[in-house]
Structures are given as C-alpha cells and as structure tokens.
PDB file of N, CA and C in Angstrom:
ATOM      1  N   MET A   1      59.720  -0.830 -29.660  1.00  0.00           N
ATOM      2  CA  MET A   1      58.803  -1.908 -29.351  1.00  0.00           C
ATOM      3  C   MET A   1      57.730  -1.393 -28.390  1.00  0.00           C
ATOM      4  N   THR A   2      56.496  -1.624 -28.722  1.00  0.00           N
ATOM      5  CA  THR A   2      55.385  -1.231 -27.866  1.00  0.00           C
ATOM      6  C   THR A   2      55.058  -2.390 -26.934  1.00  0.00           C
ATOM      7  N   LEU A   3      55.098  -2.117 -25.641  1.00  0.00           N
ATOM      8  CA  LEU A   3      54.819  -3.148 -24.646  1.00  0.00           C
ATOM      9  C   LEU A   3      53.324  -3.232 -24.379  1.00  0.00           C
ATOM     10  N   PRO A   4      52.832  -4.433 -24.113  1.00  0.00           N
ATOM     11  CA  PRO A   4      51.419  -4.545 -23.747  1.00  0.00           C
ATOM     12  C   PRO A   4      51.161  -3.883 -22.400  1.00  0.00           C
ATOM     13  N   ALA A   5      49.938  -3.414 -22.208  1.00  0.00           N
ATOM     14  CA  ALA A   5      49.559  -2.877 -20.898  1.00  0.00           C
ATOM     15  C   ALA A   5      49.763  -3.978 -19.870  1.00  0.00           C
ATOM     16  N   GLY A   6      50.337  -3.641 -18.738  1.00  0.00           N
ATOM     17  CA  GLY A   6      50.571  -4.628 -17.697  1.00  0.00           C
ATOM     18  C   GLY A   6      52.016  -5.062 -17.586  1.00  0.00           C
ATOM     19  N   ILE A   7      52.902  -4.462 -18.368  1.00  0.00           N
ATOM     20  CA  ILE A   7      54.329  -4.755 -18.263  1.00  0.00           C
ATOM     21  C   ILE A   7      55.081  -3.438 -18.130  1.00  0.00           C
ATOM     22  N   ASP A   8      55.843  -3.306 -17.038  1.00  0.00           N
ATOM     23  CA  ASP A   8      56.685  -2.133 -16.817  1.00  0.00           C
ATOM     24  C   ASP A   8      58.112  -2.618 -16.585  1.00  0.00           C
ATOM     25  N   PRO A   9      58.957  -2.549 -17.608  1.00  0.00           N
ATOM     26  CA  PRO A   9      60.306  -3.093 -17.486  1.00  0.00           C
ATOM     27  C   PRO A   9      61.227  -2.314 -16.554  1.00  0.00           C
ATOM     28  N   SER A  10      60.810  -1.161 -16.070  1.00  0.00           N
ATOM     29  CA  SER A  10      61.679  -0.356 -15.217  1.00  0.00           C
ATOM     30  C   SER A  10      61.577  -0.710 -13.734  1.00  0.00           C
ATOM     31  N   VAL A  11      60.578  -1.491 -13.339  1.00  0.00           N
ATOM     32  CA  VAL A  11      60.331  -1.775 -11.927  1.00  0.00           C
ATOM     33  C   VAL A  11      61.120  -3.010 -11.484  1.00  0.00           C
ATOM     34  N   PRO A  12      61.958  -2.877 -10.449  1.00  0.00           N
ATOM     35  CA  PRO A  12      62.710  -4.036  -9.958  1.00  0.00           C
ATOM     36  C   PRO A  12      61.803  -4.983  -9.162  1.00  0.00           C
ATOM     37  N   PRO A  13      62.238  -6.217  -8.953  1.00  0.00           N
ATOM     38  CA  PRO A  13      61.455  -7.153  -8.149  1.00  0.00           C
ATOM     39  C   PRO A  13      61.421  -6.733  -6.686  1.00  0.00           C
ATOM     40  N   SER A  14      60.395  -7.203  -5.984  1.00  0.00           N
ATOM     41  CA  SER A  14      60.195  -6.809  -4.585  1.00  0.00           C
ATOM     42  C   SER A  14      61.201  -7.443  -3.632  1.00  0.00           C
ATOM     43  N   GLY A  15      61.881  -8.488  -4.049  1.00  0.00           N
ATOM     44  CA  GLY A  15      62.870  -9.126  -3.179  1.00  0.00           C
ATOM     45  C   GLY A  15      63.232 -10.507  -3.688  1.00  0.00           C
ATOM     46  N   PRO A  16      63.991 -11.260  -2.894  1.00  0.00           N
ATOM     47  CA  PRO A  16      64.476 -12.563  -3.343  1.00  0.00           C
ATOM     48  C   PRO A  16      63.487 -13.712  -3.158  1.00  0.00           C
ATOM     49  N   GLY A  17      62.378 -13.459  -2.437  1.00  0.00           N
ATOM     50  CA  GLY A  17      61.416 -14.521  -2.176  1.00  0.00           C
ATOM     51  C   GLY A  17      59.998 -14.015  -2.198  1.00  0.00           C
ATOM     52  N   CYS A  18      59.049 -14.923  -1.981  1.00  0.00           N
ATOM     53  CA  CYS A  18      57.634 -14.565  -1.959  1.00  0.00           C
ATOM     54  C   CYS A  18      57.374 -13.594  -0.807  1.00  0.00           C
ATOM     55  N   THR A  19      56.845 -12.446  -1.139  1.00  0.00           N
ATOM     56  CA  THR A  19      56.593 -11.389  -0.161  1.00  0.00           C
ATOM     57  C   THR A  19      55.705 -11.882   0.980  1.00  0.00           C
ATOM     58  N   GLU A  20      54.581 -12.515   0.640  1.00  0.00           N
ATOM     59  CA  GLU A  20      53.630 -12.956   1.660  1.00  0.00           C
ATOM     60  C   GLU A  20      54.145 -14.149   2.457  1.00  0.00           C
ATOM     61  N   CYS A  21      54.794 -15.114   1.787  1.00  0.00           N
ATOM     62  CA  CYS A  21      55.360 -16.262   2.515  1.00  0.00           C
ATOM     63  C   CYS A  21      56.436 -15.797   3.488  1.00  0.00           C
ATOM     64  N   ASP A  22      57.283 -14.853   3.057  1.00  0.00           N
ATOM     65  CA  ASP A  22      58.309 -14.331   3.955  1.00  0.00           C
ATOM     66  C   ASP A  22      57.676 -13.673   5.175  1.00  0.00           C
ATOM     67  N   ALA A  23      56.622 -12.900   4.960  1.00  0.00           N
ATOM     68  CA  ALA A  23      55.965 -12.208   6.077  1.00  0.00           C
ATOM     69  C   ALA A  23      55.315 -13.185   7.058  1.00  0.00           C
ATOM     70  N   ALA A  24      54.826 -14.313   6.537  1.00  0.00           N
ATOM     71  CA  ALA A  24      54.109 -15.281   7.374  1.00  0.00           C
ATOM     72  C   ALA A  24      54.986 -16.441   7.844  1.00  0.00           C
ATOM     73  N   GLY A  25      56.248 -16.467   7.422  1.00  0.00           N
ATOM     74  CA  GLY A  25      57.123 -17.571   7.792  1.00  0.00           C
ATOM     75  C   GLY A  25      56.863 -18.836   6.997  1.00  0.00           C
ATOM     76  N   GLY A  26      56.254 -18.689   5.831  1.00  0.00           N
ATOM     77  CA  GLY A  26      55.933 -19.839   4.988  1.00  0.00           C
ATOM     78  C   GLY A  26      57.049 -20.189   4.026  1.00  0.00           C
ATOM     79  N   TRP A  27      56.734 -21.067   3.088  1.00  0.00           N
ATOM     80  CA  TRP A  27      57.710 -21.538   2.106  1.00  0.00           C
ATOM     81  C   TRP A  27      57.039 -21.623   0.741  1.00  0.00           C
ATOM     82  N   TRP A  28      57.873 -21.797  -0.282  1.00  0.00           N
ATOM     83  CA  TRP A  28      57.373 -21.845  -1.660  1.00  0.00           C
ATOM     84  C   TRP A  28      58.106 -22.921  -2.449  1.00  0.00           C
ATOM     85  N   PHE A  29      57.492 -23.279  -3.583  1.00  0.00           N
ATOM     86  CA  PHE A  29      58.118 -24.225  -4.507  1.00  0.00           C
ATOM     87  C   PHE A  29      58.909 -23.447  -5.558  1.00  0.00           C
ATOM     88  N   HIS A  30      58.222 -22.658  -6.367  1.00  0.00           N
ATOM     89  CA  HIS A  30      58.877 -21.803  -7.362  1.00  0.00           C
ATOM     90  C   HIS A  30      58.353 -20.384  -7.209  1.00  0.00           C
ATOM     91  N   LEU A  31      59.093 -19.434  -7.772  1.00  0.00           N
ATOM     92  CA  LEU A  31      58.735 -18.019  -7.634  1.00  0.00           C
ATOM     93  C   LEU A  31      58.365 -17.406  -8.972  1.00  0.00           C
ATOM     94  N   ARG A  32      57.445 -16.450  -8.918  1.00  0.00           N
ATOM     95  CA  ARG A  32      56.989 -15.699 -10.078  1.00  0.00           C
ATOM     96  C   ARG A  32      57.055 -14.213  -9.747  1.00  0.00           C
ATOM     97  N   ARG A  33      57.338 -13.418 -10.771  1.00  0.00           N
ATOM     98  CA  ARG A  33      57.490 -11.969 -10.599  1.00  0.00           C
ATOM     99  C   ARG A  33      56.437 -11.246 -11.423  1.00  0.00           C
ATOM    100  N   CYS A  34      55.713 -10.331 -10.798  1.00  0.00           N
ATOM    101  CA  CYS A  34      54.738  -9.517 -11.523  1.00  0.00           C
ATOM    102  C   CYS A  34      55.496  -8.603 -12.482  1.00  0.00           C
ATOM    103  N   ALA A  35      55.104  -8.634 -13.748  1.00  0.00           N
ATOM    104  CA  ALA A  35      55.790  -7.830 -14.764  1.00  0.00           C
ATOM    105  C   ALA A  35      55.364  -6.373 -14.734  1.00  0.00           C
ATOM    106  N   GLN A  36      54.367  -6.042 -13.925  1.00  0.00           N
ATOM    107  CA  GLN A  36      53.911  -4.657 -13.829  1.00  0.00           C
ATOM    108  C   GLN A  36      54.489  -3.942 -12.613  1.00  0.00           C
ATOM    109  N   CYS A  37      54.429  -4.578 -11.434  1.00  0.00           N
ATOM    110  CA  CYS A  37      54.859  -3.878 -10.212  1.00  0.00           C
ATOM    111  C   CYS A  37      56.053  -4.519  -9.526  1.00  0.00           C
ATOM    112  N   GLY A  38      56.504  -5.694 -10.000  1.00  0.00           N
ATOM    113  CA  GLY A  38      57.668  -6.344  -9.423  1.00  0.00           C
ATOM    114  C   GLY A  38      57.385  -7.252  -8.245  1.00  0.00           C
ATOM    115  N   HIS A  39      56.130  -7.362  -7.823  1.00  0.00           N
ATOM    116  CA  HIS A  39      55.780  -8.236  -6.698  1.00  0.00           C
ATOM    117  C   HIS A  39      56.270  -9.655  -6.971  1.00  0.00           C
ATOM    118  N   VAL A  40      56.984 -10.239  -6.013  1.00  0.00           N
ATOM    119  CA  VAL A  40      57.425 -11.626  -6.125  1.00  0.00           C
ATOM    120  C   VAL A  40      56.494 -12.480  -5.268  1.00  0.00           C
ATOM    121  N   GLY A  41      55.903 -13.487  -5.909  1.00  0.00           N
ATOM    122  CA  GLY A  41      54.992 -14.394  -5.227  1.00  0.00           C
ATOM    123  C   GLY A  41      55.298 -15.833  -5.582  1.00  0.00           C
ATOM    124  N   CYS A  42      54.719 -16.743  -4.821  1.00  0.00           N
ATOM    125  CA  CYS A  42      54.946 -18.168  -5.059  1.00  0.00           C
ATOM    126  C   CYS A  42      54.010 -18.691  -6.142  1.00  0.00           C
ATOM    127  N   CYS A  43      54.449 -19.744  -6.819  1.00  0.00           N
ATOM    128  CA  CYS A  43      53.732 -20.309  -7.961  1.00  0.00           C
ATOM    129  C   CYS A  43      52.464 -21.043  -7.535  1.00  0.00           C
ATOM    130  N   ASP A  44      51.688 -21.458  -8.517  1.00  0.00           N
ATOM    131  CA  ASP A  44      50.437 -22.160  -8.242  1.00  0.00           C
ATOM    132  C   ASP A  44      50.629 -23.570  -7.719  1.00  0.00           C
ATOM    133  N   SER A  45      51.823 -24.130  -7.821  1.00  0.00           N
ATOM    134  CA  SER A  45      52.098 -25.426  -7.201  1.00  0.00           C
ATOM    135  C   SER A  45      52.422 -25.267  -5.717  1.00  0.00           C
ATOM    136  N   SER A  46      52.805 -24.061  -5.306  1.00  0.00           N
ATOM    137  CA  SER A  46      53.111 -23.774  -3.907  1.00  0.00           C
ATOM    138  C   SER A  46      51.827 -23.808  -3.082  1.00  0.00           C
ATOM    139  N   PRO A  47      51.928 -24.107  -1.792  1.00  0.00           N
ATOM    140  CA  PRO A  47      50.727 -24.184  -0.958  1.00  0.00           C
ATOM    141  C   PRO A  47      49.870 -22.908  -0.963  1.00  0.00           C
ATOM    142  N   ALA A  48      50.482 -21.736  -0.981  1.00  0.00           N
ATOM    143  CA  ALA A  48      49.712 -20.493  -0.836  1.00  0.00           C
ATOM    144  C   ALA A  48      49.344 -19.804  -2.151  1.00  0.00           C
ATOM    145  N   GLN A  49      50.005 -20.082  -3.235  1.00  0.00           N
ATOM    146  CA  GLN A  49      49.673 -19.545  -4.561  1.00  0.00           C
ATOM    147  C   GLN A  49      49.558 -18.014  -4.578  1.00  0.00           C
ATOM    148  N   HIS A  50      50.546 -17.339  -3.990  1.00  0.00           N
ATOM    149  CA  HIS A  50      50.486 -15.884  -3.869  1.00  0.00           C
ATOM    150  C   HIS A  50      50.633 -15.128  -5.185  1.00  0.00           C
ATOM    151  N   ALA A  51      51.351 -15.658  -6.175  1.00  0.00           N
ATOM    152  CA  ALA A  51      51.509 -14.934  -7.441  1.00  0.00           C
ATOM    153  C   ALA A  51      50.177 -14.787  -8.160  1.00  0.00           C
ATOM    154  N   SER A  52      49.413 -15.857  -8.256  1.00  0.00           N
ATOM    155  CA  SER A  52      48.125 -15.754  -8.942  1.00  0.00           C
ATOM    156  C   SER A  52      47.133 -14.927  -8.126  1.00  0.00           C
ATOM    157  N   ALA A  53      47.207 -14.996  -6.798  1.00  0.00           N
ATOM    158  CA  ALA A  53      46.342 -14.151  -5.964  1.00  0.00           C
ATOM    159  C   ALA A  53      46.658 -12.676  -6.201  1.00  0.00           C
ATOM    160  N   HIS A  54      47.942 -12.347  -6.305  1.00  0.00           N
ATOM    161  CA  HIS A  54      48.330 -10.965  -6.588  1.00  0.00           C
ATOM    162  C   HIS A  54      47.800 -10.525  -7.952  1.00  0.00           C
ATOM    163  N   ALA A  55      47.966 -11.366  -8.953  1.00  0.00           N
ATOM    164  CA  ALA A  55      47.496 -11.019 -10.303  1.00  0.00           C
ATOM    165  C   ALA A  55      45.990 -10.747 -10.294  1.00  0.00           C
ATOM    166  N   ARG A  56      45.260 -11.587  -9.600  1.00  0.00           N
ATOM    167  CA  ARG A  56      43.797 -11.440  -9.521  1.00  0.00           C
ATOM    168  C   ARG A  56      43.407 -10.176  -8.731  1.00  0.00           C
ATOM    169  N   ASP A  57      44.006  -9.988  -7.560  1.00  0.00           N
ATOM    170  CA  ASP A  57      43.624  -8.869  -6.682  1.00  0.00           C
ATOM    171  C   ASP A  57      44.089  -7.515  -7.206  1.00  0.00           C
ATOM    172  N   ALA A  58      45.278  -7.467  -7.808  1.00  0.00           N
ATOM    173  CA  ALA A  58      45.838  -6.201  -8.297  1.00  0.00           C
ATOM    174  C   ALA A  58      45.493  -5.928  -9.761  1.00  0.00           C
ATOM    175  N   HIS A  59      44.907  -6.915 -10.419  1.00  0.00           N
ATOM    176  CA  HIS A  59      44.602  -6.802 -11.858  1.00  0.00           C
ATOM    177  C   HIS A  59      45.878  -6.568 -12.661  1.00  0.00           C
ATOM    178  N   HIS A  60      46.922  -7.314 -12.303  1.00  0.00           N
ATOM    179  CA  HIS A  60      48.208  -7.307 -13.006  1.00  0.00           C
ATOM    180  C   HIS A  60      48.352  -8.672 -13.675  1.00  0.00           C
ATOM    181  N   PRO A  61      48.020  -8.799 -14.946  1.00  0.00           N
ATOM    182  CA  PRO A  61      47.920 -10.126 -15.564  1.00  0.00           C
ATOM    183  C   PRO A  61      49.231 -10.816 -15.912  1.00  0.00           C
ATOM    184  N   PHE A  62      50.326 -10.088 -16.125  1.00  0.00           N
ATOM    185  CA  PHE A  62      51.555 -10.711 -16.613  1.00  0.00           C
ATOM    186  C   PHE A  62      52.527 -11.025 -15.485  1.00  0.00           C
ATOM    187  N   ILE A  63      53.035 -12.249 -15.499  1.00  0.00           N
ATOM    188  CA  ILE A  63      54.127 -12.633 -14.607  1.00  0.00           C
ATOM    189  C   ILE A  63      55.277 -13.146 -15.453  1.00  0.00           C
ATOM    190  N   ARG A  64      56.434 -13.155 -14.846  1.00  0.00           N
ATOM    191  CA  ARG A  64      57.621 -13.754 -15.452  1.00  0.00           C
ATOM    192  C   ARG A  64      58.176 -14.738 -14.433  1.00  0.00           C
ATOM    193  N   SER A  65      58.701 -15.844 -14.904  1.00  0.00           N
ATOM    194  CA  SER A  65      59.355 -16.760 -13.983  1.00  0.00           C
ATOM    195  C   SER A  65      60.471 -16.009 -13.257  1.00  0.00           C
ATOM    196  N   TYR A  66      60.632 -16.312 -11.983  1.00  0.00           N
ATOM    197  CA  TYR A  66      61.701 -15.708 -11.182  1.00  0.00           C
ATOM    198  C   TYR A  66      62.700 -16.787 -10.780  1.00  0.00           C
ATOM    199  N   GLU A  67      62.790 -17.813 -11.628  1.00  0.00           N
ATOM    200  CA  GLU A  67      63.723 -18.913 -11.406  1.00  0.00           C
ATOM    201  C   GLU A  67      64.953 -18.719 -12.290  1.00  0.00           C
ATOM    202  N   PRO A  68      66.147 -19.012 -11.767  1.00  0.00           N
ATOM    203  CA  PRO A  68      67.359 -18.885 -12.579  1.00  0.00           C
ATOM    204  C   PRO A  68      67.260 -19.698 -13.873  1.00  0.00           C
ATOM    205  N   GLY A  69      67.647 -19.069 -14.983  1.00  0.00           N
ATOM    206  CA  GLY A  69      67.657 -19.747 -16.272  1.00  0.00           C
ATOM    207  C   GLY A  69      66.327 -19.773 -17.001  1.00  0.00           C
ATOM    208  N   GLU A  70      65.271 -19.219 -16.410  1.00  0.00           N
ATOM    209  CA  GLU A  70      63.955 -19.201 -17.056  1.00  0.00           C
ATOM    210  C   GLU A  70      63.584 -17.771 -17.417  1.00  0.00           C
ATOM    211  N   ALA A  71      63.025 -17.584 -18.625  1.00  0.00           N
ATOM    212  CA  ALA A  71      62.672 -16.242 -19.083  1.00  0.00           C
ATOM    213  C   ALA A  71      61.239 -16.156 -19.595  1.00  0.00           C
ATOM    214  N   TRP A  72      60.418 -17.155 -19.331  1.00  0.00           N
ATOM    215  CA  TRP A  72      59.064 -17.161 -19.865  1.00  0.00           C
ATOM    216  C   TRP A  72      58.126 -16.238 -19.083  1.00  0.00           C
ATOM    217  N   PHE A  73      57.089 -15.797 -19.788  1.00  0.00           N
ATOM    218  CA  PHE A  73      56.024 -14.959 -19.220  1.00  0.00           C
ATOM    219  C   PHE A  73      54.712 -15.737 -19.296  1.00  0.00           C
ATOM    220  N   TRP A  74      53.760 -15.353 -18.453  1.00  0.00           N
ATOM    221  CA  TRP A  74      52.416 -15.934 -18.461  1.00  0.00           C
ATOM    222  C   TRP A  74      51.417 -14.801 -18.319  1.00  0.00           C
ATOM    223  N   ASN A  75      50.326 -14.893 -19.057  1.00  0.00           N
ATOM    224  CA  ASN A  75      49.240 -13.928 -18.953  1.00  0.00           C
ATOM    225  C   ASN A  75      48.063 -14.641 -18.285  1.00  0.00           C
ATOM    226  N   TYR A  76      47.746 -14.262 -17.059  1.00  0.00           N
ATOM    227  CA  TYR A  76      46.639 -14.884 -16.338  1.00  0.00           C
ATOM    228  C   TYR A  76      45.296 -14.600 -17.004  1.00  0.00           C
ATOM    229  N   ASP A  77      45.137 -13.459 -17.645  1.00  0.00           N
ATOM    230  CA  ASP A  77      43.859 -13.131 -18.287  1.00  0.00           C
ATOM    231  C   ASP A  77      43.551 -14.038 -19.466  1.00  0.00           C
ATOM    232  N   THR A  78      44.573 -14.411 -20.223  1.00  0.00           N
ATOM    233  CA  THR A  78      44.351 -15.211 -21.432  1.00  0.00           C
ATOM    234  C   THR A  78      44.851 -16.646 -21.302  1.00  0.00           C
ATOM    235  N   SER A  79      45.501 -16.970 -20.182  1.00  0.00           N
ATOM    236  CA  SER A  79      46.135 -18.281 -19.979  1.00  0.00           C
ATOM    237  C   SER A  79      47.116 -18.603 -21.104  1.00  0.00           C
ATOM    238  N   GLN A  80      47.826 -17.583 -21.530  1.00  0.00           N
ATOM    239  CA  GLN A  80      48.799 -17.742 -22.616  1.00  0.00           C
ATOM    240  C   GLN A  80      50.214 -17.628 -22.067  1.00  0.00           C
ATOM    241  N   MET A  81      51.076 -18.539 -22.549  1.00  0.00           N
ATOM    242  CA  MET A  81      52.485 -18.526 -22.173  1.00  0.00           C
ATOM    243  C   MET A  81      53.292 -17.937 -23.312  1.00  0.00           C
ATOM    244  N   TYR A  82      54.344 -17.200 -22.957  1.00  0.00           N
ATOM    245  CA  TYR A  82      55.272 -16.621 -23.921  1.00  0.00           C
ATOM    246  C   TYR A  82      56.662 -17.111 -23.554  1.00  0.00           C
ATOM    247  N   GLU A  83      57.368 -17.667 -24.495  1.00  0.00           N
ATOM    248  CA  GLU A  83      58.704 -18.205 -24.240  1.00  0.00           C
ATOM    249  C   GLU A  83      59.688 -17.119 -23.799  1.00  0.00           C
ATOM    250  N   SER A  84      59.438 -15.892 -24.209  1.00  0.00           N
ATOM    251  CA  SER A  84      60.294 -14.773 -23.825  1.00  0.00           C
ATOM    252  C   SER A  84      59.467 -13.501 -23.874  1.00  0.00           C
ATOM    253  N   GLY A  85      60.080 -12.412 -23.481  1.00  0.00           N
ATOM    254  CA  GLY A  85      59.399 -11.129 -23.483  1.00  0.00           C
ATOM    255  C   GLY A  85      60.412 -10.030 -23.299  1.00  0.00           C
ATOM    256  N   PRO A  86      59.944  -8.844 -22.950  1.00  0.00           N
ATOM    257  CA  PRO A  86      60.866  -7.728 -22.781  1.00  0.00           C
ATOM    258  C   PRO A  86      61.800  -7.947 -21.588  1.00  0.00           C
ATOM    259  N   ASP A  87      62.965  -7.337 -21.675  1.00  0.00           N
ATOM    260  CA  ASP A  87      63.892  -7.358 -20.552  1.00  0.00           C
ATOM    261  C   ASP A  87      63.289  -6.573 -19.397  1.00  0.00           C
ATOM    262  N   LEU A  88      63.348  -7.126 -18.211  1.00  0.00           N
ATOM    263  CA  LEU A  88      62.874  -6.448 -17.012  1.00  0.00           C
ATOM    264  C   LEU A  88      64.069  -5.991 -16.190  1.00  0.00           C
ATOM    265  N   ALA A  89      63.809  -5.091 -15.253  1.00  0.00           N
ATOM    266  CA  ALA A  89      64.876  -4.599 -14.372  1.00  0.00           C
ATOM    267  C   ALA A  89      65.462  -5.756 -13.567  1.00  0.00           C
ATOM    268  N   PRO A  90      66.766  -5.754 -13.375  1.00  0.00           N
ATOM    269  CA  PRO A  90      67.390  -6.828 -12.599  1.00  0.00           C
ATOM    270  C   PRO A  90      67.079  -6.709 -11.103  1.00  0.00           C
ATOM    271  N   PRO A  91      67.264  -7.811 -10.390  1.00  0.00           N
ATOM    272  CA  PRO A  91      67.688  -9.123 -10.851  1.00  0.00           C
ATOM    273  C   PRO A  91      66.544  -9.866 -11.538  1.00  0.00           C
ATOM    274  N   LEU A  92      66.900 -10.781 -12.419  1.00  0.00           N
ATOM    275  CA  LEU A  92      65.906 -11.510 -13.198  1.00  0.00           C
ATOM    276  C   LEU A  92      65.457 -12.796 -12.529  1.00  0.00           C
ATOM    277  N   ALA A  93      66.104 -13.178 -11.436  1.00  0.00           N
ATOM    278  CA  ALA A  93      65.766 -14.409 -10.723  1.00  0.00           C
ATOM    279  C   ALA A  93      66.200 -14.283  -9.268  1.00  0.00           C
ATOM    280  N   HIS A  94      65.671 -15.182  -8.462  1.00  0.00           N
ATOM    281  CA  HIS A  94      66.119 -15.230  -7.074  1.00  0.00           C
ATOM    282  C   HIS A  94      67.588 -15.643  -7.053  1.00  0.00           C
ATOM    283  N   PRO A  95      68.292 -15.425  -5.942  1.00  0.00           N
ATOM    284  CA  PRO A  95      69.702 -15.799  -5.885  1.00  0.00           C
ATOM    285  C   PRO A  95      69.909 -17.279  -6.231  1.00  0.00           C
ATOM    286  N   ALA A  96      70.924 -17.552  -7.013  1.00  0.00           N
ATOM    287  CA  ALA A  96      71.185 -18.920  -7.472  1.00  0.00           C
ATOM    288  C   ALA A  96      71.450 -19.877  -6.317  1.00  0.00           C
ATOM    289  N   ASP A  97      71.946 -19.372  -5.195  1.00  0.00           N
ATOM    290  CA  ASP A  97      72.218 -20.256  -4.062  1.00  0.00           C
ATOM    291  C   ASP A  97      70.999 -20.463  -3.157  1.00  0.00           C
ATOM    292  N   GLN A  98      69.875 -19.857  -3.497  1.00  0.00           N
ATOM    293  CA  GLN A  98      68.639 -20.050  -2.737  1.00  0.00           C
ATOM    294  C   GLN A  98      68.022 -21.384  -3.166  1.00  0.00           C
ATOM    295  N   PRO A  99      67.754 -22.285  -2.227  1.00  0.00           N
ATOM    296  CA  PRO A  99      67.262 -23.604  -2.614  1.00  0.00           C
ATOM    297  C   PRO A  99      65.837 -23.576  -3.161  1.00  0.00           C
ATOM    298  N   VAL A 100      65.507 -24.594  -3.932  1.00  0.00           N
ATOM    299  CA  VAL A 100      64.164 -24.808  -4.452  1.00  0.00           C
ATOM    300  C   VAL A 100      63.742 -26.199  -4.009  1.00  0.00           C
ATOM    301  N   PRO A 101      62.673 -26.360  -3.234  1.00  0.00           N
ATOM    302  CA  PRO A 101      61.864 -25.275  -2.688  1.00  0.00           C
ATOM    303  C   PRO A 101      62.638 -24.483  -1.644  1.00  0.00           C
ATOM    304  N   GLY A 102      62.081 -23.371  -1.279  1.00  0.00           N
ATOM    305  CA  GLY A 102      62.772 -22.495  -0.349  1.00  0.00           C
ATOM    306  C   GLY A 102      61.802 -21.733   0.525  1.00  0.00           C
ATOM    307  N   PRO A 103      62.324 -20.912   1.376  1.00  0.00           N
ATOM    308  CA  PRO A 103      63.738 -20.701   1.652  1.00  0.00           C
ATOM    309  C   PRO A 103      64.276 -21.760   2.607  1.00  0.00           C
ATOM    310  N   GLU A 104      65.580 -21.839   2.650  1.00  0.00           N
ATOM    311  CA  GLU A 104      66.237 -22.808   3.510  1.00  0.00           C
ATOM    312  C   GLU A 104      65.771 -22.637   4.954  1.00  0.00           C
ATOM    313  N   GLY A 105      65.488 -23.758   5.588  1.00  0.00           N
ATOM    314  CA  GLY A 105      65.087 -23.738   6.985  1.00  0.00           C
ATOM    315  C   GLY A 105      63.589 -23.657   7.218  1.00  0.00           C
ATOM    316  N   ARG A 106      62.794 -23.384   6.173  1.00  0.00           N
ATOM    317  CA  ARG A 106      61.345 -23.268   6.358  1.00  0.00           C
ATOM    318  C   ARG A 106      60.557 -24.309   5.563  1.00  0.00           C
ATOM    319  N   VAL A 107      61.233 -25.137   4.797  1.00  0.00           N
ATOM    320  CA  VAL A 107      60.548 -26.137   3.984  1.00  0.00           C
ATOM    321  C   VAL A 107      60.338 -27.389   4.830  1.00  0.00           C
ATOM    322  N   PRO A 108      59.085 -27.842   4.963  1.00  0.00           N
ATOM    323  CA  PRO A 108      58.845 -29.033   5.787  1.00  0.00           C
ATOM    324  C   PRO A 108      59.387 -30.298   5.119  1.00  0.00           C
ATOM    325  N   PRO A 109      59.719 -31.311   5.909  1.00  0.00           N
ATOM    326  CA  PRO A 109      60.258 -32.541   5.336  1.00  0.00           C
ATOM    327  C   PRO A 109      59.295 -33.224   4.361  1.00  0.00           C
ATOM    328  N   ASN A 110      58.006 -33.060   4.560  1.00  0.00           N
ATOM    329  CA  ASN A 110      56.999 -33.685   3.687  1.00  0.00           C
ATOM    330  C   ASN A 110      56.464 -32.703   2.637  1.00  0.00           C
ATOM    331  N   TRP A 111      57.310 -31.798   2.156  1.00  0.00           N
ATOM    332  CA  TRP A 111      56.871 -30.716   1.268  1.00  0.00           C
ATOM    333  C   TRP A 111      56.196 -31.215   0.006  1.00  0.00           C
ATOM    334  N   LEU A 112      56.619 -32.355  -0.519  1.00  0.00           N
ATOM    335  CA  LEU A 112      56.000 -32.867  -1.751  1.00  0.00           C
ATOM    336  C   LEU A 112      54.505 -33.117  -1.570  1.00  0.00           C
ATOM    337  N   GLU A 113      54.103 -33.520  -0.380  1.00  0.00           N
ATOM    338  CA  GLU A 113      52.685 -33.788  -0.087  1.00  0.00           C
ATOM    339  C   GLU A 113      51.863 -32.497  -0.031  1.00  0.00           C
ATOM    340  N   SER A 114      52.521 -31.352   0.127  1.00  0.00           N
ATOM    341  CA  SER A 114      51.823 -30.075   0.252  1.00  0.00           C
ATOM    342  C   SER A 114      51.654 -29.334  -1.062  1.00  0.00           C
ATOM    343  N   LEU A 115      52.253 -29.843  -2.151  1.00  0.00           N
ATOM    344  CA  LEU A 115      52.154 -29.153  -3.430  1.00  0.00           C
ATOM    345  C   LEU A 115      50.766 -29.267  -4.021  1.00  0.00           C
ATOM    346  N   ASN A 116      50.349 -28.214  -4.703  1.00  0.00           N
ATOM    347  CA  ASN A 116      49.101 -28.234  -5.466  1.00  0.00           C
ATOM    348  C   ASN A 116      49.426 -28.822  -6.833  1.00  0.00           C
ATOM    349  N   ARG A 117      48.657 -29.738  -7.272  1.00  0.00           N
ATOM    350  CA  ARG A 117      48.910 -30.396  -8.547  1.00  0.00           C
ATOM    351  C   ARG A 117      47.789 -30.191  -9.514  1.00  0.00           C
TER     352      ARG A 117
END
C-alpha cells in the first residue's frame, strides 16, 4: 500500500495530551494526532485549537483522532474526512482513564462556555 505524503506510520505520538496545553497548564476537549510527526494537539472545539495550528505551521495536513475507539483521519488541506486509514504506531489514543475534557484538575467548571462551536 502506498501512503499519501504526510503520513508516517512509524512515528509514535508525542504523549498522552496536547503538547502546548500541557506546557501552558491549559486544558482540551478532544485530542488529535499528527499522522506525520506524532504531535498531539487539541481539537478545533478546544479553546486553543493546537492541532490545526500545528497542521498549518508545520505543513502536516493529516491528523488522526486520538480518542479511544475512534480511527478516523482528517486532511486539513482538502477538508476531507476518512473513516479509517493506515495503522499508526501505538498508542492509538490517550489513556482510557484520562477524562474528556481533560486533563483532570485543569478543566474549568464552566468549560462548556469556552468551547469553539
């Protein structure tokens, strides 16, 4: 199988949560994983939208959901969703005991008001 440019199945994810939110003490709604370099960022509904910022700044168009039980991919360049794609290096999702939104202890009580819709 020939993979599209922008997907490297050998690269593991950068960690269990959004790299930038973790560094800044922030929180996220859902997580996305760059299919090229493994960067884990927060989704576009999250206040900071780090996954799409990474895709734009690094020119890495493909992400995969980093949520347990989800295997879909998204191409930011074409705005196309794929129900599945190539197997990526594990882990395929954040830890199942990690709350959504997360991480535990950093989500404000009024988090629903902070989501981008």
